[in-house]
Each structure stands twice: as structure tokens, then as C-alpha cells.
Amino acid sequence: MKPTRRGVISDWGGVLTPPLVDGIQAWLQADRIDIEHYYEVMRPYFDGSLPDNPVHALERGEVDTAEFERDLAALLRSTHGGPIRAEGLIQRMFASFEPVHGMYETLRAARNAGHATALLSNSWGNGYPREHLGSTFDTLVISGEVGMRKPEERIYLYTCRSLGLDPEDCVFIDDLEHNVATAESLGMTGILHTDVDSTREALSLLLAPSDERQPA
């Protein structure tokens, strides 16, 4: 494949942070929440069996974060016999999602070489490390701020338009296979992220050299 792609769109959680499961388990242990019960409770939210999925609504910004925290806390079970504290639950959930600096450096290198870069993230109302994002991305597309979520096609197309590029011009990076599959169905070139080195190598084979880029 000739390296002609001129834009990079990247996920946040699991790409610019350690794997999602690591961060979630750190939170469960810190908050003394029954881990097996948590996964049992959350399974319907992620297997597509709920017709009106509260997680999807939260990611689109249709549900207040504090309301979601109260509802989720009521479903969870502690290992200490007491209630789960609802206030600040989302903040605590994402507290261990530390930056993976190697991925930031990879994306900054692409941007510094003249490639357009965008963050495309499904948000639970959590905070983002804006001090790192501003120097890495030309645009930030946060699901709750735009009323769309992955893997809805419209949010991918919205992100491409924000960069002034067609989907065929873009590389999309995500750690979830179904998100990558949607991007590829729209014409993007997908990278299923597993580690920094393999993603960096894949990008080097896909991005157009600086002397071959054409203006958007």
C-alpha cells in the first residue's frame, strides 16, 4: 500500500492510556467494589442487549453524569458491606488512566511532519489531559460534546470534515475492533492498537512523506 494518508484520527482510552481493563480494575480495587459483580452488572451495557442503553446515552451527552453515577453506584456491590459513593465515581473510575507518552510522541511527530491529527473519543463525562492534547491534535471530537458516539458512522465523518479531509485520506487508530471496522467501512485505513511500537510502525507505512503531501 502506497503511503498516501494525510490525516490521523486517534482514540483516547486504551490508545493514549494503558489498556482499559487495567484502569478499570485499579478503580474497582481502590473503591473496594466487587469485581465479578461489576462485570456481571455491566455486561448488558456492552453486549448490545439493552434497547435504551444508559452508557450510549451518557456518551452522547444525553444523560447527566451525576445522574449516571447515582444509578451505577446503586447497582454495584462493595467488598466492605457499605454503600458505593456515587459522587465523583466517574472521576475515580478514570483516575488511573495515565498518559502513554510514547503514543503522544508518535502522534506529535506525525503532526509536526504536517499531517492533520484529531482525537475521537467516547466520553463518560470524564476529564481529559488537555495539557497533552493541545500539543498533539488539531481538533478534539468528544462524543458528549457533539451528541454522537462511536461506532456511529456520522461521528467519523464529522471528524474527517473537521480536518478538511475525506475518509480515504485518514488513518484511524482504536483499541476496539468494532470501532476500527466502522472506520474501514467508510474508507479509512484502520489500525487496531495493541502497543506503541506496532502502531508507530503501521503509521510509518501509511502516512505520506512530507514531499508528497498535497494541501487539504
N, C-alpha and C. Protein backbone atom coordinates (compact mmCIF):
# COMPACT_ATOMS: atom_id res chain seq x y z
N MET A 1 0.85 -1.20 0.00
CA MET A 1 0.00 0.00 0.00
C MET A 1 0.88 1.25 0.00
N LYS A 2 0.64 2.11 -0.97
CA LYS A 2 1.44 3.33 -1.07
C LYS A 2 1.11 4.26 0.09
N PRO A 3 2.13 4.83 0.74
CA PRO A 3 1.88 5.72 1.88
C PRO A 3 1.37 7.08 1.43
N THR A 4 0.05 7.23 1.42
CA THR A 4 -0.56 8.47 0.92
C THR A 4 -1.48 9.14 1.93
N ARG A 5 -1.66 8.57 3.10
CA ARG A 5 -2.63 9.12 4.05
C ARG A 5 -2.09 10.42 4.64
N ARG A 6 -3.00 11.39 4.80
CA ARG A 6 -2.58 12.73 5.23
C ARG A 6 -3.13 13.13 6.58
N GLY A 7 -3.94 12.26 7.19
CA GLY A 7 -4.51 12.58 8.49
C GLY A 7 -4.53 11.36 9.40
N VAL A 8 -4.46 11.63 10.71
CA VAL A 8 -4.51 10.57 11.72
C VAL A 8 -5.59 10.91 12.73
N ILE A 9 -6.51 9.97 12.94
CA ILE A 9 -7.57 10.12 13.94
C ILE A 9 -7.35 9.04 14.98
N SER A 10 -7.26 9.45 16.24
CA SER A 10 -6.92 8.50 17.30
C SER A 10 -7.93 8.53 18.44
N ASP A 11 -8.20 7.34 18.95
CA ASP A 11 -8.95 7.16 20.19
C ASP A 11 -8.10 7.63 21.37
N TRP A 12 -8.75 7.76 22.53
CA TRP A 12 -8.02 8.12 23.76
C TRP A 12 -7.83 6.90 24.67
N GLY A 13 -8.90 6.46 25.35
CA GLY A 13 -8.78 5.37 26.31
C GLY A 13 -8.35 4.07 25.66
N GLY A 14 -7.24 3.49 26.12
CA GLY A 14 -6.73 2.25 25.57
C GLY A 14 -5.70 2.47 24.47
N VAL A 15 -5.58 3.71 23.99
CA VAL A 15 -4.56 4.04 22.99
C VAL A 15 -3.57 5.04 23.58
N LEU A 16 -4.09 6.15 24.07
CA LEU A 16 -3.25 7.15 24.72
C LEU A 16 -3.17 6.92 26.23
N THR A 17 -3.81 5.85 26.68
CA THR A 17 -3.71 5.41 28.07
C THR A 17 -3.38 3.92 28.06
N PRO A 18 -3.02 3.35 29.20
CA PRO A 18 -2.88 1.89 29.27
C PRO A 18 -4.21 1.21 28.93
N PRO A 19 -4.22 -0.11 28.77
CA PRO A 19 -5.45 -0.82 28.43
C PRO A 19 -6.60 -0.49 29.38
N LEU A 20 -7.81 -0.41 28.82
CA LEU A 20 -8.98 -0.04 29.61
C LEU A 20 -9.17 -0.94 30.82
N VAL A 21 -8.97 -2.23 30.63
CA VAL A 21 -9.23 -3.18 31.72
C VAL A 21 -8.31 -2.90 32.91
N ASP A 22 -7.08 -2.45 32.65
CA ASP A 22 -6.14 -2.16 33.73
C ASP A 22 -6.63 -0.98 34.57
N GLY A 23 -7.08 0.08 33.90
CA GLY A 23 -7.56 1.26 34.62
C GLY A 23 -8.83 0.97 35.40
N ILE A 24 -9.74 0.21 34.79
CA ILE A 24 -10.99 -0.12 35.48
C ILE A 24 -10.73 -0.98 36.70
N GLN A 25 -9.87 -1.96 36.57
CA GLN A 25 -9.60 -2.84 37.72
C GLN A 25 -8.90 -2.08 38.84
N ALA A 26 -8.04 -1.12 38.50
CA ALA A 26 -7.41 -0.31 39.53
C ALA A 26 -8.46 0.48 40.31
N TRP A 27 -9.44 1.02 39.60
CA TRP A 27 -10.53 1.75 40.26
C TRP A 27 -11.37 0.83 41.14
N LEU A 28 -11.72 -0.34 40.64
CA LEU A 28 -12.54 -1.28 41.41
C LEU A 28 -11.84 -1.67 42.71
N GLN A 29 -10.55 -1.89 42.63
CA GLN A 29 -9.81 -2.27 43.83
C GLN A 29 -9.70 -1.10 44.80
N ALA A 30 -9.44 0.10 44.27
CA ALA A 30 -9.30 1.27 45.13
C ALA A 30 -10.61 1.62 45.82
N ASP A 31 -11.74 1.47 45.11
CA ASP A 31 -13.05 1.77 45.69
C ASP A 31 -13.66 0.58 46.42
N ARG A 32 -12.94 -0.54 46.45
CA ARG A 32 -13.38 -1.75 47.14
C ARG A 32 -14.75 -2.18 46.62
N ILE A 33 -14.81 -2.34 45.31
CA ILE A 33 -16.01 -2.79 44.64
C ILE A 33 -15.82 -4.24 44.21
N ASP A 34 -16.86 -5.05 44.37
CA ASP A 34 -16.84 -6.45 43.98
C ASP A 34 -16.63 -6.53 42.47
N ILE A 35 -15.47 -7.06 42.06
CA ILE A 35 -15.09 -7.04 40.65
C ILE A 35 -15.99 -7.94 39.81
N GLU A 36 -16.24 -9.16 40.26
CA GLU A 36 -17.08 -10.08 39.49
C GLU A 36 -18.49 -9.54 39.34
N HIS A 37 -19.01 -8.95 40.40
CA HIS A 37 -20.35 -8.38 40.34
C HIS A 37 -20.40 -7.20 39.39
N TYR A 38 -19.34 -6.38 39.37
CA TYR A 38 -19.28 -5.24 38.45
C TYR A 38 -19.42 -5.71 37.00
N TYR A 39 -18.65 -6.73 36.62
CA TYR A 39 -18.71 -7.20 35.24
C TYR A 39 -20.06 -7.83 34.92
N GLU A 40 -20.66 -8.47 35.91
CA GLU A 40 -21.99 -9.03 35.71
C GLU A 40 -23.01 -7.92 35.47
N VAL A 41 -22.92 -6.86 36.27
CA VAL A 41 -23.85 -5.73 36.14
C VAL A 41 -23.65 -5.01 34.81
N MET A 42 -22.40 -4.86 34.37
CA MET A 42 -22.10 -4.06 33.20
C MET A 42 -22.26 -4.82 31.88
N ARG A 43 -22.33 -6.15 31.95
CA ARG A 43 -22.40 -6.94 30.71
C ARG A 43 -23.51 -6.47 29.76
N PRO A 44 -24.74 -6.25 30.24
CA PRO A 44 -25.80 -5.81 29.30
C PRO A 44 -25.53 -4.46 28.66
N TYR A 45 -24.73 -3.62 29.33
CA TYR A 45 -24.42 -2.31 28.77
C TYR A 45 -23.49 -2.41 27.56
N PHE A 46 -22.73 -3.50 27.49
CA PHE A 46 -21.72 -3.60 26.44
C PHE A 46 -21.97 -4.71 25.43
N ASP A 47 -22.97 -5.58 25.68
CA ASP A 47 -23.22 -6.66 24.71
C ASP A 47 -24.34 -6.34 23.74
N GLY A 48 -24.87 -5.11 23.82
CA GLY A 48 -25.90 -4.69 22.88
C GLY A 48 -27.30 -5.18 23.20
N SER A 49 -27.52 -5.70 24.40
CA SER A 49 -28.82 -6.28 24.72
C SER A 49 -29.81 -5.27 25.30
N LEU A 50 -29.37 -4.06 25.62
CA LEU A 50 -30.27 -3.05 26.18
C LEU A 50 -30.76 -2.14 25.06
N PRO A 51 -32.08 -2.03 24.87
CA PRO A 51 -32.61 -1.18 23.80
C PRO A 51 -32.36 0.31 24.03
N ASP A 52 -32.45 0.75 25.28
CA ASP A 52 -32.18 2.15 25.63
C ASP A 52 -30.97 2.16 26.56
N ASN A 53 -29.80 2.09 25.97
CA ASN A 53 -28.59 1.87 26.74
C ASN A 53 -28.13 3.14 27.43
N PRO A 54 -28.09 3.16 28.77
CA PRO A 54 -27.66 4.36 29.50
C PRO A 54 -26.23 4.77 29.19
N VAL A 55 -25.35 3.80 28.91
CA VAL A 55 -23.96 4.14 28.57
C VAL A 55 -23.91 4.89 27.25
N HIS A 56 -24.66 4.44 26.28
CA HIS A 56 -24.69 5.13 24.99
C HIS A 56 -25.24 6.54 25.15
N ALA A 57 -26.29 6.67 25.96
CA ALA A 57 -26.86 7.99 26.21
C ALA A 57 -25.86 8.90 26.92
N LEU A 58 -25.12 8.34 27.87
CA LEU A 58 -24.09 9.11 28.58
C LEU A 58 -23.02 9.58 27.60
N GLU A 59 -22.59 8.68 26.73
CA GLU A 59 -21.53 9.02 25.78
C GLU A 59 -21.97 10.10 24.80
N ARG A 60 -23.26 10.15 24.49
CA ARG A 60 -23.76 11.21 23.61
C ARG A 60 -24.05 12.50 24.36
N GLY A 61 -23.91 12.49 25.67
CA GLY A 61 -24.20 13.68 26.46
C GLY A 61 -25.68 13.86 26.73
N GLU A 62 -26.47 12.79 26.60
CA GLU A 62 -27.91 12.86 26.80
C GLU A 62 -28.31 12.61 28.25
N VAL A 63 -27.38 12.14 29.05
CA VAL A 63 -27.63 11.85 30.47
C VAL A 63 -26.63 12.62 31.30
N ASP A 64 -27.11 13.23 32.36
CA ASP A 64 -26.23 13.96 33.27
C ASP A 64 -25.28 12.99 33.96
N THR A 65 -24.00 13.36 34.05
CA THR A 65 -23.00 12.47 34.65
C THR A 65 -23.36 12.12 36.09
N ALA A 66 -23.80 13.09 36.87
CA ALA A 66 -24.14 12.83 38.27
C ALA A 66 -25.30 11.85 38.38
N GLU A 67 -26.25 11.95 37.47
CA GLU A 67 -27.38 11.02 37.47
C GLU A 67 -26.90 9.60 37.15
N PHE A 68 -26.01 9.49 36.16
CA PHE A 68 -25.47 8.18 35.80
C PHE A 68 -24.69 7.59 36.97
N GLU A 69 -23.91 8.44 37.64
CA GLU A 69 -23.13 7.96 38.79
C GLU A 69 -24.05 7.40 39.88
N ARG A 70 -25.14 8.08 40.15
CA ARG A 70 -26.07 7.60 41.18
C ARG A 70 -26.69 6.26 40.78
N ASP A 71 -27.08 6.17 39.52
CA ASP A 71 -27.71 4.92 39.05
C ASP A 71 -26.72 3.76 39.08
N LEU A 72 -25.48 4.02 38.64
CA LEU A 72 -24.49 2.95 38.62
C LEU A 72 -24.09 2.55 40.03
N ALA A 73 -23.88 3.51 40.91
CA ALA A 73 -23.49 3.20 42.28
C ALA A 73 -24.53 2.33 42.97
N ALA A 74 -25.80 2.56 42.64
CA ALA A 74 -26.87 1.77 43.26
C ALA A 74 -26.84 0.31 42.79
N LEU A 75 -26.26 0.07 41.62
CA LEU A 75 -26.21 -1.29 41.08
C LEU A 75 -25.01 -2.08 41.60
N LEU A 76 -23.95 -1.37 42.02
CA LEU A 76 -22.71 -2.03 42.39
C LEU A 76 -22.75 -2.55 43.82
N ARG A 77 -21.81 -3.44 44.11
CA ARG A 77 -21.73 -4.06 45.43
C ARG A 77 -20.31 -3.87 45.97
N SER A 78 -20.21 -3.41 47.19
CA SER A 78 -18.89 -3.20 47.80
C SER A 78 -18.38 -4.49 48.42
N THR A 79 -17.08 -4.51 48.68
CA THR A 79 -16.48 -5.66 49.38
C THR A 79 -16.41 -5.40 50.88
N HIS A 80 -16.85 -4.20 51.32
CA HIS A 80 -16.78 -3.86 52.74
C HIS A 80 -18.16 -3.80 53.39
N GLY A 81 -19.20 -4.07 52.60
CA GLY A 81 -20.54 -4.12 53.16
C GLY A 81 -21.28 -2.80 53.18
N GLY A 82 -20.60 -1.70 52.88
CA GLY A 82 -21.23 -0.39 52.88
C GLY A 82 -21.64 0.03 51.48
N PRO A 83 -22.24 1.20 51.35
CA PRO A 83 -22.66 1.69 50.04
C PRO A 83 -21.49 2.18 49.20
N ILE A 84 -21.70 2.24 47.90
CA ILE A 84 -20.72 2.79 46.99
C ILE A 84 -20.97 4.30 46.88
N ARG A 85 -19.93 5.09 47.07
CA ARG A 85 -20.08 6.55 46.99
C ARG A 85 -20.29 6.97 45.54
N ALA A 86 -21.44 7.58 45.28
CA ALA A 86 -21.78 7.96 43.91
C ALA A 86 -21.04 9.22 43.46
N GLU A 87 -20.96 10.20 44.31
CA GLU A 87 -20.35 11.47 43.93
C GLU A 87 -18.89 11.27 43.54
N GLY A 88 -18.52 11.72 42.35
CA GLY A 88 -17.15 11.60 41.89
C GLY A 88 -16.77 10.23 41.37
N LEU A 89 -17.77 9.34 41.18
CA LEU A 89 -17.48 7.97 40.77
C LEU A 89 -16.76 7.93 39.42
N ILE A 90 -17.20 8.72 38.45
CA ILE A 90 -16.56 8.72 37.13
C ILE A 90 -15.13 9.22 37.22
N GLN A 91 -14.91 10.27 37.99
CA GLN A 91 -13.56 10.80 38.16
C GLN A 91 -12.64 9.73 38.75
N ARG A 92 -13.13 9.01 39.74
CA ARG A 92 -12.33 7.95 40.35
C ARG A 92 -12.11 6.79 39.37
N MET A 93 -13.12 6.51 38.56
CA MET A 93 -13.02 5.42 37.59
C MET A 93 -11.86 5.65 36.63
N PHE A 94 -11.65 6.91 36.23
CA PHE A 94 -10.63 7.21 35.23
C PHE A 94 -9.33 7.74 35.85
N ALA A 95 -9.21 7.66 37.16
CA ALA A 95 -8.05 8.25 37.83
C ALA A 95 -6.73 7.57 37.44
N SER A 96 -6.78 6.29 37.06
CA SER A 96 -5.54 5.56 36.74
C SER A 96 -5.23 5.55 35.26
N PHE A 97 -5.97 6.32 34.46
CA PHE A 97 -5.75 6.35 33.02
C PHE A 97 -4.61 7.32 32.70
N GLU A 98 -3.40 6.93 33.06
CA GLU A 98 -2.23 7.78 32.88
C GLU A 98 -1.83 7.87 31.41
N PRO A 99 -1.21 8.97 31.00
CA PRO A 99 -0.80 9.11 29.59
C PRO A 99 0.28 8.09 29.21
N VAL A 100 0.11 7.53 28.01
CA VAL A 100 1.16 6.71 27.41
C VAL A 100 1.98 7.65 26.52
N HIS A 101 3.09 8.11 27.05
CA HIS A 101 3.82 9.19 26.39
C HIS A 101 4.37 8.79 25.02
N GLY A 102 4.66 7.50 24.86
CA GLY A 102 5.16 7.05 23.56
C GLY A 102 4.15 7.26 22.45
N MET A 103 2.86 7.09 22.75
CA MET A 103 1.83 7.32 21.73
C MET A 103 1.67 8.81 21.45
N TYR A 104 1.72 9.62 22.51
CA TYR A 104 1.66 11.07 22.29
C TYR A 104 2.82 11.53 21.41
N GLU A 105 4.00 11.01 21.68
CA GLU A 105 5.17 11.40 20.89
C GLU A 105 5.01 10.96 19.44
N THR A 106 4.43 9.79 19.21
CA THR A 106 4.21 9.29 17.86
C THR A 106 3.25 10.20 17.10
N LEU A 107 2.18 10.60 17.75
CA LEU A 107 1.19 11.45 17.09
C LEU A 107 1.71 12.87 16.90
N ARG A 108 2.48 13.36 17.87
CA ARG A 108 3.08 14.70 17.70
C ARG A 108 4.06 14.71 16.54
N ALA A 109 4.80 13.63 16.38
CA ALA A 109 5.75 13.55 15.27
C ALA A 109 5.00 13.60 13.94
N ALA A 110 3.87 12.92 13.86
CA ALA A 110 3.06 12.96 12.64
C ALA A 110 2.55 14.37 12.39
N ARG A 111 2.09 15.03 13.44
CA ARG A 111 1.59 16.40 13.29
C ARG A 111 2.70 17.36 12.90
N ASN A 112 3.86 17.22 13.53
CA ASN A 112 4.98 18.11 13.22
C ASN A 112 5.48 17.92 11.79
N ALA A 113 5.21 16.72 11.24
CA ALA A 113 5.58 16.45 9.84
C ALA A 113 4.55 17.00 8.87
N GLY A 114 3.49 17.60 9.40
CA GLY A 114 2.50 18.24 8.55
C GLY A 114 1.21 17.47 8.36
N HIS A 115 1.06 16.34 9.05
CA HIS A 115 -0.17 15.58 8.93
C HIS A 115 -1.22 16.13 9.90
N ALA A 116 -2.48 16.14 9.46
CA ALA A 116 -3.57 16.58 10.32
C ALA A 116 -3.87 15.51 11.36
N THR A 117 -4.18 15.93 12.58
CA THR A 117 -4.44 14.96 13.66
C THR A 117 -5.71 15.34 14.40
N ALA A 118 -6.46 14.31 14.80
CA ALA A 118 -7.70 14.53 15.55
C ALA A 118 -7.84 13.46 16.63
N LEU A 119 -8.38 13.86 17.77
CA LEU A 119 -8.80 12.92 18.80
C LEU A 119 -10.28 12.63 18.58
N LEU A 120 -10.66 11.36 18.64
CA LEU A 120 -12.07 10.96 18.55
C LEU A 120 -12.34 10.00 19.71
N SER A 121 -13.05 10.49 20.73
CA SER A 121 -13.18 9.74 21.97
C SER A 121 -14.63 9.70 22.45
N ASN A 122 -15.06 8.50 22.87
CA ASN A 122 -16.33 8.36 23.57
C ASN A 122 -16.11 8.74 25.04
N SER A 123 -16.82 9.75 25.50
CA SER A 123 -16.61 10.26 26.84
C SER A 123 -17.72 9.81 27.79
N TRP A 124 -17.35 9.56 29.04
CA TRP A 124 -18.32 9.28 30.10
C TRP A 124 -18.47 10.51 31.02
N GLY A 125 -18.10 11.65 30.49
CA GLY A 125 -18.11 12.85 31.32
C GLY A 125 -16.84 13.00 32.12
N ASN A 126 -15.83 12.18 31.77
CA ASN A 126 -14.54 12.21 32.46
C ASN A 126 -13.70 13.35 31.95
N GLY A 127 -12.72 13.73 32.73
CA GLY A 127 -11.78 14.75 32.31
C GLY A 127 -10.73 14.18 31.37
N TYR A 128 -10.13 15.05 30.58
CA TYR A 128 -9.07 14.67 29.66
C TYR A 128 -7.81 15.48 29.99
N PRO A 129 -6.63 14.91 29.71
CA PRO A 129 -5.38 15.65 29.96
C PRO A 129 -5.15 16.70 28.89
N ARG A 130 -5.86 17.81 29.01
CA ARG A 130 -5.83 18.83 27.96
C ARG A 130 -4.42 19.37 27.74
N GLU A 131 -3.57 19.31 28.77
CA GLU A 131 -2.21 19.82 28.61
C GLU A 131 -1.42 19.00 27.60
N HIS A 132 -1.80 17.73 27.43
CA HIS A 132 -1.14 16.89 26.43
C HIS A 132 -1.86 16.95 25.09
N LEU A 133 -3.18 17.06 25.12
CA LEU A 133 -3.96 17.00 23.89
C LEU A 133 -3.72 18.21 23.00
N GLY A 134 -3.58 19.40 23.60
CA GLY A 134 -3.45 20.61 22.82
C GLY A 134 -2.22 20.63 21.92
N SER A 135 -1.16 19.98 22.36
CA SER A 135 0.07 19.97 21.57
C SER A 135 0.13 18.77 20.62
N THR A 136 -0.91 17.94 20.64
CA THR A 136 -0.90 16.71 19.86
C THR A 136 -1.91 16.73 18.71
N PHE A 137 -3.04 17.40 18.93
CA PHE A 137 -4.14 17.30 17.98
C PHE A 137 -4.56 18.67 17.43
N ASP A 138 -4.95 18.65 16.16
CA ASP A 138 -5.51 19.85 15.54
C ASP A 138 -6.95 20.07 15.98
N THR A 139 -7.66 18.99 16.25
CA THR A 139 -9.05 19.11 16.67
C THR A 139 -9.39 17.98 17.64
N LEU A 140 -10.32 18.25 18.55
CA LEU A 140 -10.78 17.27 19.53
C LEU A 140 -12.26 17.03 19.31
N VAL A 141 -12.62 15.78 19.09
CA VAL A 141 -14.03 15.40 18.94
C VAL A 141 -14.38 14.48 20.11
N ILE A 142 -15.10 15.06 21.07
CA ILE A 142 -15.51 14.34 22.28
C ILE A 142 -16.99 14.02 22.14
N SER A 143 -17.35 12.76 22.28
CA SER A 143 -18.71 12.32 21.96
C SER A 143 -19.79 13.13 22.65
N GLY A 144 -19.63 13.36 23.95
CA GLY A 144 -20.65 14.08 24.69
C GLY A 144 -20.78 15.54 24.31
N GLU A 145 -19.78 16.08 23.64
CA GLU A 145 -19.81 17.48 23.21
C GLU A 145 -20.45 17.65 21.84
N VAL A 146 -20.51 16.56 21.07
CA VAL A 146 -21.07 16.65 19.71
C VAL A 146 -22.35 15.84 19.55
N GLY A 147 -22.77 15.12 20.60
CA GLY A 147 -24.03 14.38 20.56
C GLY A 147 -24.00 13.14 19.68
N MET A 148 -22.81 12.58 19.48
CA MET A 148 -22.63 11.37 18.68
C MET A 148 -21.60 10.50 19.38
N ARG A 149 -21.58 9.23 19.01
CA ARG A 149 -20.62 8.32 19.64
C ARG A 149 -20.15 7.28 18.61
N LYS A 150 -18.96 6.75 18.86
CA LYS A 150 -18.51 5.59 18.09
C LYS A 150 -19.30 4.36 18.54
N PRO A 151 -19.67 3.46 17.64
CA PRO A 151 -19.27 3.41 16.24
C PRO A 151 -20.32 3.97 15.27
N GLU A 152 -21.01 5.03 15.64
CA GLU A 152 -21.95 5.66 14.71
C GLU A 152 -21.16 6.31 13.56
N GLU A 153 -21.55 6.03 12.35
CA GLU A 153 -20.79 6.50 11.19
C GLU A 153 -20.66 8.01 11.17
N ARG A 154 -21.70 8.71 11.61
CA ARG A 154 -21.71 10.16 11.48
C ARG A 154 -20.60 10.84 12.27
N ILE A 155 -20.16 10.24 13.38
CA ILE A 155 -19.11 10.90 14.16
C ILE A 155 -17.75 10.75 13.47
N TYR A 156 -17.54 9.67 12.74
CA TYR A 156 -16.31 9.50 11.96
C TYR A 156 -16.27 10.53 10.83
N LEU A 157 -17.40 10.66 10.12
CA LEU A 157 -17.46 11.61 9.01
C LEU A 157 -17.32 13.04 9.50
N TYR A 158 -17.92 13.33 10.65
CA TYR A 158 -17.79 14.66 11.27
C TYR A 158 -16.32 14.96 11.56
N THR A 159 -15.60 13.98 12.08
CA THR A 159 -14.19 14.18 12.43
C THR A 159 -13.36 14.42 11.18
N CYS A 160 -13.62 13.65 10.13
CA CYS A 160 -12.90 13.87 8.87
C CYS A 160 -13.15 15.28 8.34
N ARG A 161 -14.39 15.71 8.38
CA ARG A 161 -14.71 17.06 7.89
C ARG A 161 -14.01 18.12 8.74
N SER A 162 -13.90 17.85 10.03
CA SER A 162 -13.21 18.81 10.91
C SER A 162 -11.76 19.00 10.51
N LEU A 163 -11.18 17.96 9.92
CA LEU A 163 -9.78 18.03 9.45
C LEU A 163 -9.69 18.51 8.02
N GLY A 164 -10.84 18.64 7.34
CA GLY A 164 -10.82 19.03 5.94
C GLY A 164 -10.36 17.92 5.03
N LEU A 165 -10.58 16.68 5.46
CA LEU A 165 -10.12 15.52 4.70
C LEU A 165 -11.27 14.56 4.41
N ASP A 166 -11.10 13.74 3.37
CA ASP A 166 -12.01 12.65 3.09
C ASP A 166 -11.60 11.43 3.92
N PRO A 167 -12.54 10.51 4.19
CA PRO A 167 -12.16 9.31 4.95
C PRO A 167 -10.98 8.57 4.35
N GLU A 168 -10.92 8.52 3.01
CA GLU A 168 -9.83 7.80 2.34
C GLU A 168 -8.46 8.41 2.62
N ASP A 169 -8.44 9.65 3.10
CA ASP A 169 -7.18 10.32 3.41
C ASP A 169 -6.68 10.01 4.82
N CYS A 170 -7.51 9.33 5.62
CA CYS A 170 -7.25 9.25 7.06
C CYS A 170 -6.90 7.85 7.54
N VAL A 171 -6.03 7.82 8.53
CA VAL A 171 -5.76 6.61 9.31
C VAL A 171 -6.52 6.74 10.63
N PHE A 172 -7.18 5.66 11.03
CA PHE A 172 -7.94 5.66 12.28
C PHE A 172 -7.34 4.63 13.23
N ILE A 173 -7.07 5.07 14.47
CA ILE A 173 -6.44 4.21 15.48
C ILE A 173 -7.40 4.02 16.65
N ASP A 174 -7.66 2.76 17.02
CA ASP A 174 -8.54 2.47 18.16
C ASP A 174 -8.16 1.10 18.70
N ASP A 175 -8.45 0.88 19.98
CA ASP A 175 -8.15 -0.42 20.58
C ASP A 175 -9.33 -1.38 20.52
N LEU A 176 -10.49 -0.92 20.01
CA LEU A 176 -11.68 -1.77 19.92
C LEU A 176 -11.95 -2.12 18.46
N GLU A 177 -12.06 -3.40 18.20
CA GLU A 177 -12.16 -3.88 16.82
C GLU A 177 -13.39 -3.35 16.10
N HIS A 178 -14.54 -3.27 16.81
CA HIS A 178 -15.75 -2.81 16.11
C HIS A 178 -15.65 -1.33 15.72
N ASN A 179 -14.92 -0.54 16.49
CA ASN A 179 -14.72 0.86 16.12
C ASN A 179 -13.85 0.98 14.87
N VAL A 180 -12.82 0.14 14.80
CA VAL A 180 -11.95 0.13 13.63
C VAL A 180 -12.71 -0.35 12.39
N ALA A 181 -13.57 -1.36 12.58
CA ALA A 181 -14.32 -1.91 11.46
C ALA A 181 -15.22 -0.85 10.82
N THR A 182 -15.87 -0.02 11.65
CA THR A 182 -16.72 1.04 11.09
C THR A 182 -15.89 2.04 10.31
N ALA A 183 -14.74 2.43 10.85
CA ALA A 183 -13.87 3.37 10.14
C ALA A 183 -13.47 2.82 8.78
N GLU A 184 -13.12 1.55 8.74
CA GLU A 184 -12.70 0.93 7.48
C GLU A 184 -13.86 0.85 6.49
N SER A 185 -15.08 0.63 6.99
CA SER A 185 -16.24 0.56 6.10
C SER A 185 -16.51 1.89 5.42
N LEU A 186 -16.01 2.98 6.03
CA LEU A 186 -16.20 4.32 5.47
C LEU A 186 -15.05 4.74 4.56
N GLY A 187 -14.04 3.88 4.44
CA GLY A 187 -12.92 4.18 3.56
C GLY A 187 -11.62 4.53 4.26
N MET A 188 -11.66 4.65 5.58
CA MET A 188 -10.42 4.93 6.31
C MET A 188 -9.54 3.69 6.35
N THR A 189 -8.28 3.91 6.66
CA THR A 189 -7.36 2.81 6.91
C THR A 189 -7.26 2.63 8.42
N GLY A 190 -7.62 1.45 8.91
CA GLY A 190 -7.68 1.23 10.35
C GLY A 190 -6.43 0.59 10.91
N ILE A 191 -6.11 0.99 12.13
CA ILE A 191 -5.06 0.34 12.91
C ILE A 191 -5.69 -0.09 14.23
N LEU A 192 -5.71 -1.39 14.48
CA LEU A 192 -6.18 -1.90 15.76
C LEU A 192 -5.01 -1.85 16.73
N HIS A 193 -5.09 -0.91 17.66
CA HIS A 193 -3.94 -0.64 18.54
C HIS A 193 -3.78 -1.73 19.60
N THR A 194 -2.56 -2.23 19.72
CA THR A 194 -2.22 -3.15 20.80
C THR A 194 -1.02 -2.65 21.60
N ASP A 195 -0.11 -1.93 20.94
CA ASP A 195 1.06 -1.40 21.63
C ASP A 195 1.66 -0.27 20.81
N VAL A 196 2.49 0.53 21.45
CA VAL A 196 3.05 1.71 20.80
C VAL A 196 3.90 1.35 19.59
N ASP A 197 4.76 0.37 19.73
CA ASP A 197 5.71 0.07 18.66
C ASP A 197 5.01 -0.37 17.38
N SER A 198 4.01 -1.25 17.50
CA SER A 198 3.34 -1.74 16.30
C SER A 198 2.51 -0.65 15.64
N THR A 199 1.90 0.22 16.44
CA THR A 199 1.13 1.32 15.87
C THR A 199 2.06 2.32 15.19
N ARG A 200 3.18 2.62 15.82
CA ARG A 200 4.13 3.54 15.20
C ARG A 200 4.64 2.99 13.87
N GLU A 201 4.93 1.71 13.82
CA GLU A 201 5.41 1.09 12.59
C GLU A 201 4.34 1.14 11.50
N ALA A 202 3.09 0.84 11.89
CA ALA A 202 1.99 0.88 10.92
C ALA A 202 1.81 2.28 10.35
N LEU A 203 1.88 3.29 11.20
CA LEU A 203 1.75 4.67 10.73
C LEU A 203 2.86 5.04 9.76
N SER A 204 4.06 4.60 10.04
CA SER A 204 5.19 4.94 9.17
C SER A 204 5.01 4.39 7.76
N LEU A 205 4.23 3.31 7.64
CA LEU A 205 3.98 2.71 6.33
C LEU A 205 2.80 3.32 5.61
N LEU A 206 2.00 4.11 6.33
CA LEU A 206 0.75 4.63 5.78
C LEU A 206 0.78 6.12 5.47
N LEU A 207 1.52 6.89 6.26
CA LEU A 207 1.48 8.34 6.10
C LEU A 207 2.37 8.79 4.95
N ALA A 208 1.83 9.72 4.18
CA ALA A 208 2.57 10.22 3.02
C ALA A 208 3.83 10.95 3.45
N PRO A 209 4.93 10.77 2.75
CA PRO A 209 6.13 11.56 3.03
C PRO A 209 5.83 13.04 2.87
N SER A 210 6.59 13.87 3.58
CA SER A 210 6.30 15.31 3.59
C SER A 210 6.36 15.93 2.20
N ASP A 211 7.18 15.40 1.32
CA ASP A 211 7.32 16.00 0.00
C ASP A 211 6.24 15.51 -0.96
N GLU A 212 5.38 14.57 -0.52
CA GLU A 212 4.31 14.06 -1.38
C GLU A 212 2.94 14.48 -0.91
N ARG A 213 2.86 15.17 0.23
CA ARG A 213 1.55 15.58 0.73
C ARG A 213 0.99 16.68 -0.16
N GLN A 214 -0.32 16.68 -0.28
CA GLN A 214 -1.00 17.73 -1.00
C GLN A 214 -1.87 18.49 -0.02
N PRO A 215 -2.05 19.78 -0.20
CA PRO A 215 -2.86 20.55 0.75
C PRO A 215 -4.29 20.06 0.76
N ALA A 216 -4.91 20.11 1.96
CA ALA A 216 -6.30 19.66 2.07
C ALA A 216 -7.23 20.63 1.37
